[in-house]
Amino acid sequence: MLEVLLAGWLGKPLWMWLAFLGIVISLLALDLGVFHRTNREIGVRESLLLSAFYITLGLLFGGFVWWTLGPESGLNYLTGFALEKALAMDNVFVIAMIFGFFAVPRVYQHRVLFWGILGVIVLRAIMIGFGAAVIAQFSWVLYVFAAFLIATGIKMLVFSDKDYDIARNPVLRFMRRHFNVTDEHHGEHFFVRKPHPSTGRPARFMTPLFLALVLIEIADVVFAVDSVPAIFAITTDPFIVYTSNIFAILGLRALYFALAAMVHRFHYLKYALALVLIFIGTKIFLADALGLDKIPALVSLGVTFGLLGGGVAWSLWKTRNEPAKLDAH
């Protein structure tokens, strides 16, 4: 048994992966079985406390990475964790718009986000596993990722104020054309059976709650297209890539309820995120130009924290007198 636990899997001993998965499963069970056994609204105070809990846990795991794998791995984990948390801010804004579009009552929003997180854990595992396999075979793909990040950062700088039109989402339009969909909510249910208006026979209908879940999952895939290449540009270690991603995302539910009503206060963070993506992409080419194996992890962490911290501070100062623009229902 000990030999199995010490056996390598994706570059790390199997026990490290099992320990991480055990923590994640325990947190999800604690969330669903203890904290939120019944559907209820989550207040800002509870949301902030839960956010602090998840951030602390993520940082403690970073300390574990530092202790077991060394300072460079620890710094890479913290850089990825900070980047994912910042990218989650944009995700919070999109989630709030989706909930607003479908008029999802606050009492059911946690249910949607919980199942959304489960989907994220699986989708990120698939994307990161695929990315790690490709990079292991073709190292030049990192330069493609780097160029993509630079292009994405420039696009974010130019089009950061462009609105996300949910009604024109092609997946939503496809589902409404090809499936039975109700316009009204049916409590906490994703699906309901009711008479079909054409035949009068009982049929299964999707509710707006399920449509919101689907669009949130799609939004995460879109965000992952940016975040996964970004963290691979920081480190190619699948363990650090995946754990920093998941620990940052696990607290997204709590972060949402704390920030949904004040996302407008972080408007200028998008520009900082754009600069971070450009920096992360550029540093791969810069390392080659300077004849370095890679830019030191401490430099990457310092620049990332500096840009994100500056973006948060500037946003809070510039919007200090602005009223809330978004009601998260």
Protein backbone atom coordinates (compact mmCIF):
# COMPACT_ATOMS: atom_id res chain seq x y z
CA MET A 1 0.00 0.00 0.00
CA LEU A 2 2.83 2.39 0.89
CA GLU A 3 4.46 1.76 -2.48
CA VAL A 4 1.22 2.69 -4.23
CA LEU A 5 0.90 5.95 -2.28
CA LEU A 6 4.52 6.86 -3.04
CA ALA A 7 4.16 6.03 -6.74
CA GLY A 8 4.38 8.99 -9.06
CA TRP A 9 1.34 10.31 -10.93
CA LEU A 10 1.61 13.40 -13.14
CA GLY A 11 4.96 14.21 -11.59
CA LYS A 12 3.94 13.97 -7.93
CA PRO A 13 3.43 11.13 -5.40
CA LEU A 14 -0.09 9.73 -5.46
CA TRP A 15 -0.60 10.60 -1.76
CA MET A 16 -0.31 14.32 -2.55
CA TRP A 17 -3.09 14.11 -5.12
CA LEU A 18 -5.25 12.02 -2.78
CA ALA A 19 -4.67 14.48 0.08
CA PHE A 20 -5.73 17.38 -2.13
CA LEU A 21 -8.82 15.57 -3.42
CA GLY A 22 -9.70 14.58 0.16
CA ILE A 23 -9.61 18.24 1.23
CA VAL A 24 -11.78 19.30 -1.73
CA ILE A 25 -14.37 16.56 -1.15
CA SER A 26 -14.48 17.36 2.58
CA LEU A 27 -15.03 21.07 1.86
CA LEU A 28 -17.86 20.34 -0.58
CA ALA A 29 -19.49 17.93 1.87
CA LEU A 30 -19.13 20.49 4.67
CA ASP A 31 -20.65 23.19 2.46
CA LEU A 32 -23.64 21.14 1.34
CA GLY A 33 -24.19 18.98 4.43
CA VAL A 34 -23.53 21.47 7.24
CA PHE A 35 -23.42 25.11 6.15
CA HIS A 36 -26.21 24.98 3.57
CA ARG A 37 -28.41 21.97 4.21
CA THR A 38 -31.44 24.06 3.28
CA ASN A 39 -31.89 26.76 0.66
CA ARG A 40 -31.51 30.21 2.20
CA GLU A 41 -30.13 33.61 1.39
CA ILE A 42 -26.47 34.22 2.19
CA GLY A 43 -25.77 37.61 3.73
CA VAL A 44 -22.72 39.77 3.14
CA ARG A 45 -21.26 39.09 6.60
CA GLU A 46 -21.47 35.30 6.18
CA SER A 47 -20.12 35.63 2.67
CA LEU A 48 -17.09 37.62 3.86
CA LEU A 49 -16.38 35.12 6.64
CA LEU A 50 -16.59 32.19 4.23
CA SER A 51 -14.39 34.04 1.72
CA ALA A 52 -11.78 34.63 4.43
CA PHE A 53 -11.98 30.93 5.37
CA TYR A 54 -11.40 29.74 1.79
CA ILE A 55 -8.61 32.24 1.15
CA THR A 56 -6.88 31.22 4.38
CA LEU A 57 -7.21 27.56 3.45
CA GLY A 58 -5.79 28.24 -0.01
CA LEU A 59 -2.83 30.10 1.48
CA LEU A 60 -2.22 27.31 4.02
CA PHE A 61 -2.12 24.81 1.17
CA GLY A 62 0.39 27.12 -0.51
CA GLY A 63 2.48 26.82 2.66
CA PHE A 64 2.22 23.03 2.35
CA VAL A 65 3.41 23.25 -1.26
CA TRP A 66 6.30 25.49 -0.17
CA TRP A 67 7.27 23.06 2.62
CA THR A 68 7.08 19.87 0.53
CA LEU A 69 8.15 21.06 -2.94
CA GLY A 70 10.37 24.04 -2.18
CA PRO A 71 10.24 27.87 -2.34
CA GLU A 72 9.98 28.15 -6.13
CA SER A 73 6.96 25.84 -6.27
CA GLY A 74 5.42 27.73 -3.35
CA LEU A 75 5.88 31.08 -5.11
CA ASN A 76 4.44 29.68 -8.34
CA TYR A 77 1.42 28.38 -6.44
CA LEU A 78 0.82 31.76 -4.78
CA THR A 79 1.16 33.56 -8.12
CA GLY A 80 -1.38 31.24 -9.74
CA PHE A 81 -3.71 31.47 -6.75
CA ALA A 82 -3.63 35.28 -6.79
CA LEU A 83 -4.18 35.41 -10.55
CA GLU A 84 -7.15 33.02 -10.36
CA LYS A 85 -8.73 35.00 -7.52
CA ALA A 86 -8.42 38.18 -9.56
CA LEU A 87 -9.85 36.55 -12.69
CA ALA A 88 -12.75 35.35 -10.52
CA MET A 89 -13.76 39.00 -10.16
CA ASP A 90 -14.72 39.11 -13.83
CA ASN A 91 -16.49 35.79 -13.37
CA VAL A 92 -18.49 37.23 -10.47
CA PHE A 93 -19.69 40.08 -12.68
CA VAL A 94 -20.85 37.68 -15.42
CA ILE A 95 -22.54 35.37 -12.89
CA ALA A 96 -24.40 38.35 -11.41
CA MET A 97 -25.62 39.34 -14.89
CA ILE A 98 -26.77 35.75 -15.58
CA PHE A 99 -28.69 35.60 -12.30
CA GLY A 100 -30.20 39.00 -13.03
CA PHE A 101 -31.20 38.00 -16.58
CA PHE A 102 -33.06 34.90 -15.34
CA ALA A 103 -34.32 36.67 -12.18
CA VAL A 104 -32.92 33.87 -10.01
CA PRO A 105 -34.04 34.45 -6.39
CA ARG A 106 -31.14 34.87 -3.95
CA VAL A 107 -32.38 31.90 -1.94
CA TYR A 108 -31.56 29.54 -4.85
CA GLN A 109 -28.37 31.14 -6.11
CA HIS A 110 -26.11 29.10 -3.85
CA ARG A 111 -27.61 25.86 -5.22
CA VAL A 112 -26.73 26.89 -8.77
CA LEU A 113 -23.21 27.97 -7.77
CA PHE A 114 -22.58 24.73 -5.83
CA TRP A 115 -23.34 22.52 -8.82
CA GLY A 116 -21.48 24.97 -11.01
CA ILE A 117 -18.35 24.50 -8.88
CA LEU A 118 -18.57 20.72 -9.29
CA GLY A 119 -18.65 21.20 -13.05
CA VAL A 120 -15.69 23.58 -12.86
CA ILE A 121 -13.60 21.03 -10.93
CA VAL A 122 -14.16 18.42 -13.66
CA LEU A 123 -13.78 20.81 -16.61
CA ARG A 124 -10.56 22.35 -15.26
CA ALA A 125 -9.12 18.86 -14.65
CA ILE A 126 -9.80 17.93 -18.28
CA MET A 127 -8.39 21.18 -19.68
CA ILE A 128 -5.30 21.17 -17.45
CA GLY A 129 -4.65 17.47 -18.09
CA PHE A 130 -4.88 18.05 -21.84
CA GLY A 131 -2.67 21.13 -21.64
CA ALA A 132 -0.02 19.31 -19.58
CA ALA A 133 0.02 16.40 -22.03
CA VAL A 134 0.42 18.72 -25.04
CA ILE A 135 3.19 20.75 -23.41
CA ALA A 136 5.04 17.57 -22.41
CA GLN A 137 5.08 16.50 -26.07
CA PHE A 138 5.49 19.89 -27.72
CA SER A 139 7.28 22.44 -25.53
CA TRP A 140 6.88 25.13 -28.19
CA VAL A 141 3.16 25.26 -27.30
CA LEU A 142 4.18 27.47 -24.36
CA TYR A 143 5.12 30.18 -26.86
CA VAL A 144 1.67 29.84 -28.44
CA PHE A 145 0.13 30.25 -24.98
CA ALA A 146 2.34 33.28 -24.36
CA ALA A 147 1.35 34.95 -27.63
CA PHE A 148 -2.31 34.19 -26.88
CA LEU A 149 -2.04 35.80 -23.43
CA ILE A 150 -0.47 38.94 -24.89
CA ALA A 151 -3.23 39.17 -27.50
CA THR A 152 -5.91 38.56 -24.86
CA GLY A 153 -4.45 41.23 -22.57
CA ILE A 154 -4.40 43.77 -25.39
CA LYS A 155 -7.99 42.87 -26.30
CA MET A 156 -9.05 43.35 -22.66
CA LEU A 157 -7.44 46.80 -22.60
CA VAL A 158 -9.26 47.84 -25.78
CA PHE A 159 -12.66 46.20 -25.21
CA SER A 160 -12.87 46.07 -21.40
CA ASP A 161 -16.12 48.07 -21.31
CA LYS A 162 -17.98 45.95 -23.86
CA ASP A 163 -21.22 44.54 -22.39
CA TYR A 164 -21.96 40.82 -22.30
CA ASP A 165 -25.31 40.27 -24.09
CA ILE A 166 -26.84 37.16 -22.51
CA ALA A 167 -29.94 37.14 -24.71
CA ARG A 168 -27.77 36.70 -27.82
CA ASN A 169 -25.84 33.74 -26.37
CA PRO A 170 -25.97 31.03 -29.09
CA VAL A 171 -26.21 28.16 -26.58
CA LEU A 172 -29.18 29.77 -24.86
CA ARG A 173 -30.92 30.38 -28.16
CA PHE A 174 -30.25 26.77 -29.24
CA MET A 175 -31.67 25.35 -26.00
CA ARG A 176 -34.79 27.46 -26.22
CA ARG A 177 -35.38 26.37 -29.82
CA HIS A 178 -34.72 22.64 -29.37
CA PHE A 179 -35.80 21.83 -25.80
CA ASN A 180 -38.82 22.35 -23.61
CA VAL A 181 -38.09 25.38 -21.42
CA THR A 182 -40.29 27.09 -18.85
CA ASP A 183 -40.31 30.86 -18.43
CA GLU A 184 -41.15 30.69 -14.73
CA HIS A 185 -39.15 29.31 -11.80
CA HIS A 186 -40.23 26.16 -9.99
CA GLY A 187 -38.49 26.55 -6.65
CA GLU A 188 -35.11 24.83 -6.46
CA HIS A 189 -35.80 22.46 -9.37
CA PHE A 190 -33.66 22.34 -12.51
CA PHE A 191 -36.28 20.21 -14.30
CA VAL A 192 -40.06 19.84 -13.91
CA ARG A 193 -42.76 17.70 -15.50
CA LYS A 194 -45.82 19.53 -16.75
CA PRO A 195 -48.34 19.22 -19.62
CA HIS A 196 -46.87 20.19 -22.98
CA PRO A 197 -48.82 23.16 -24.42
CA SER A 198 -49.04 21.48 -27.86
CA THR A 199 -49.98 17.91 -26.95
CA GLY A 200 -51.27 18.20 -23.41
CA ARG A 201 -49.14 15.18 -22.44
CA PRO A 202 -46.73 15.34 -19.47
CA ALA A 203 -43.22 16.34 -20.59
CA ARG A 204 -39.94 17.27 -18.95
CA PHE A 205 -39.11 20.98 -19.02
CA MET A 206 -35.90 22.83 -18.20
CA THR A 207 -36.34 25.69 -15.73
CA PRO A 208 -34.56 29.06 -15.82
CA LEU A 209 -32.46 27.77 -12.90
CA PHE A 210 -30.96 25.08 -15.15
CA LEU A 211 -30.38 27.55 -18.00
CA ALA A 212 -28.51 29.79 -15.56
CA LEU A 213 -26.34 26.80 -14.51
CA VAL A 214 -25.51 25.98 -18.12
CA LEU A 215 -24.51 29.56 -18.93
CA ILE A 216 -22.37 29.77 -15.77
CA GLU A 217 -20.53 26.60 -16.83
CA ILE A 218 -20.00 28.05 -20.29
CA ALA A 219 -18.73 31.30 -18.77
CA ASP A 220 -16.17 29.32 -16.78
CA VAL A 221 -14.95 27.57 -19.93
CA VAL A 222 -14.47 30.99 -21.52
CA PHE A 223 -12.55 32.23 -18.49
CA ALA A 224 -10.51 29.02 -18.37
CA VAL A 225 -9.33 29.71 -21.92
CA ASP A 226 -7.48 32.70 -20.42
CA SER A 227 -6.58 31.39 -16.96
CA VAL A 228 -5.25 27.94 -17.89
CA PRO A 229 -2.68 29.22 -20.44
CA ALA A 230 -1.78 31.98 -17.96
CA ILE A 231 -0.87 29.59 -15.17
CA PHE A 232 0.93 27.23 -17.57
CA ALA A 233 3.04 30.27 -18.47
CA ILE A 234 3.86 30.54 -14.75
CA THR A 235 4.59 26.84 -14.20
CA THR A 236 4.11 23.60 -16.14
CA ASP A 237 3.75 21.49 -12.98
CA PRO A 238 0.22 19.95 -13.28
CA PHE A 239 -0.11 19.65 -9.49
CA ILE A 240 0.53 23.34 -8.88
CA VAL A 241 -1.56 24.37 -11.88
CA TYR A 242 -4.60 22.36 -10.80
CA THR A 243 -4.44 22.92 -7.03
CA SER A 244 -4.00 26.70 -7.31
CA ASN A 245 -6.90 26.82 -9.79
CA ILE A 246 -9.28 24.78 -7.64
CA PHE A 247 -8.44 26.44 -4.31
CA ALA A 248 -9.03 29.84 -5.91
CA ILE A 249 -12.33 28.71 -7.43
CA LEU A 250 -13.65 26.88 -4.33
CA GLY A 251 -14.26 30.22 -2.64
CA LEU A 252 -16.02 31.68 -5.67
CA ARG A 253 -19.49 31.03 -4.21
CA ALA A 254 -18.67 32.92 -1.03
CA LEU A 255 -16.87 35.63 -2.99
CA TYR A 256 -19.91 36.09 -5.22
CA PHE A 257 -22.34 36.92 -2.42
CA ALA A 258 -19.88 39.39 -0.90
CA LEU A 259 -19.04 41.20 -4.13
CA ALA A 260 -22.03 40.87 -6.47
CA ALA A 261 -23.58 44.09 -5.17
CA MET A 262 -20.31 46.04 -5.37
CA VAL A 263 -18.61 44.68 -8.49
CA HIS A 264 -18.76 48.21 -9.93
CA ARG A 265 -16.20 49.23 -7.27
CA PHE A 266 -13.60 47.02 -9.02
CA HIS A 267 -14.17 48.36 -12.53
CA TYR A 268 -10.52 49.26 -13.15
CA LEU A 269 -9.26 45.86 -12.00
CA LYS A 270 -9.90 44.67 -15.57
CA TYR A 271 -7.09 46.88 -16.81
CA ALA A 272 -4.74 45.47 -14.17
CA LEU A 273 -5.72 41.93 -15.18
CA ALA A 274 -5.00 42.79 -18.81
CA LEU A 275 -1.52 44.04 -17.84
CA VAL A 276 -0.90 40.87 -15.79
CA LEU A 277 -1.77 38.65 -18.76
CA ILE A 278 0.49 40.71 -21.02
CA PHE A 279 3.32 40.48 -18.46
CA ILE A 280 2.93 36.70 -18.01
CA GLY A 281 2.94 36.18 -21.77
CA THR A 282 5.84 38.54 -22.35
CA LYS A 283 8.09 37.07 -19.65
CA ILE A 284 8.48 33.82 -21.60
CA PHE A 285 9.89 35.68 -24.59
CA LEU A 286 11.85 38.00 -22.27
CA ALA A 287 13.51 35.05 -20.54
CA ASP A 288 14.76 33.77 -23.89
CA ALA A 289 16.00 37.22 -24.88
CA LEU A 290 17.94 37.49 -21.61
CA GLY A 291 19.31 33.97 -21.88
CA LEU A 292 17.47 32.82 -18.74
CA ASP A 293 15.78 29.51 -18.17
CA LYS A 294 12.80 31.45 -16.77
CA ILE A 295 12.00 34.71 -15.03
CA PRO A 296 12.49 34.14 -11.26
CA ALA A 297 9.30 33.10 -9.46
CA LEU A 298 9.71 35.89 -6.90
CA VAL A 299 9.74 38.49 -9.70
CA SER A 300 6.59 37.01 -11.25
CA LEU A 301 4.83 37.00 -7.88
CA GLY A 302 5.91 40.58 -7.09
CA VAL A 303 4.81 42.00 -10.44
CA THR A 304 1.50 40.10 -10.33
CA PHE A 305 0.68 41.25 -6.79
CA GLY A 306 1.82 44.80 -7.58
CA LEU A 307 -0.40 45.12 -10.66
CA LEU A 308 -3.45 43.49 -9.04
CA GLY A 309 -3.04 45.44 -5.80
CA GLY A 310 -2.67 48.67 -7.76
CA GLY A 311 -5.78 47.82 -9.80
CA VAL A 312 -7.85 47.18 -6.66
CA ALA A 313 -6.63 50.34 -4.92
CA TRP A 314 -7.19 52.53 -7.98
CA SER A 315 -10.67 51.07 -8.53
CA LEU A 316 -11.75 51.64 -4.93
CA TRP A 317 -10.46 55.21 -5.00
CA LYS A 318 -11.97 56.14 -8.38
CA THR A 319 -15.40 54.67 -7.55
CA ARG A 320 -15.56 55.78 -3.91
CA ASN A 321 -18.58 58.05 -4.55
CA GLU A 322 -20.44 55.82 -7.02
CA PRO A 323 -23.66 54.07 -5.96
CA ALA A 324 -24.19 50.38 -6.62
CA LYS A 325 -25.14 49.71 -10.24
CA LEU A 326 -25.98 46.05 -10.01
CA ASP A 327 -28.62 44.32 -7.95
CA ALA A 328 -27.81 40.65 -7.55
CA HIS A 329 -31.46 39.87 -6.62
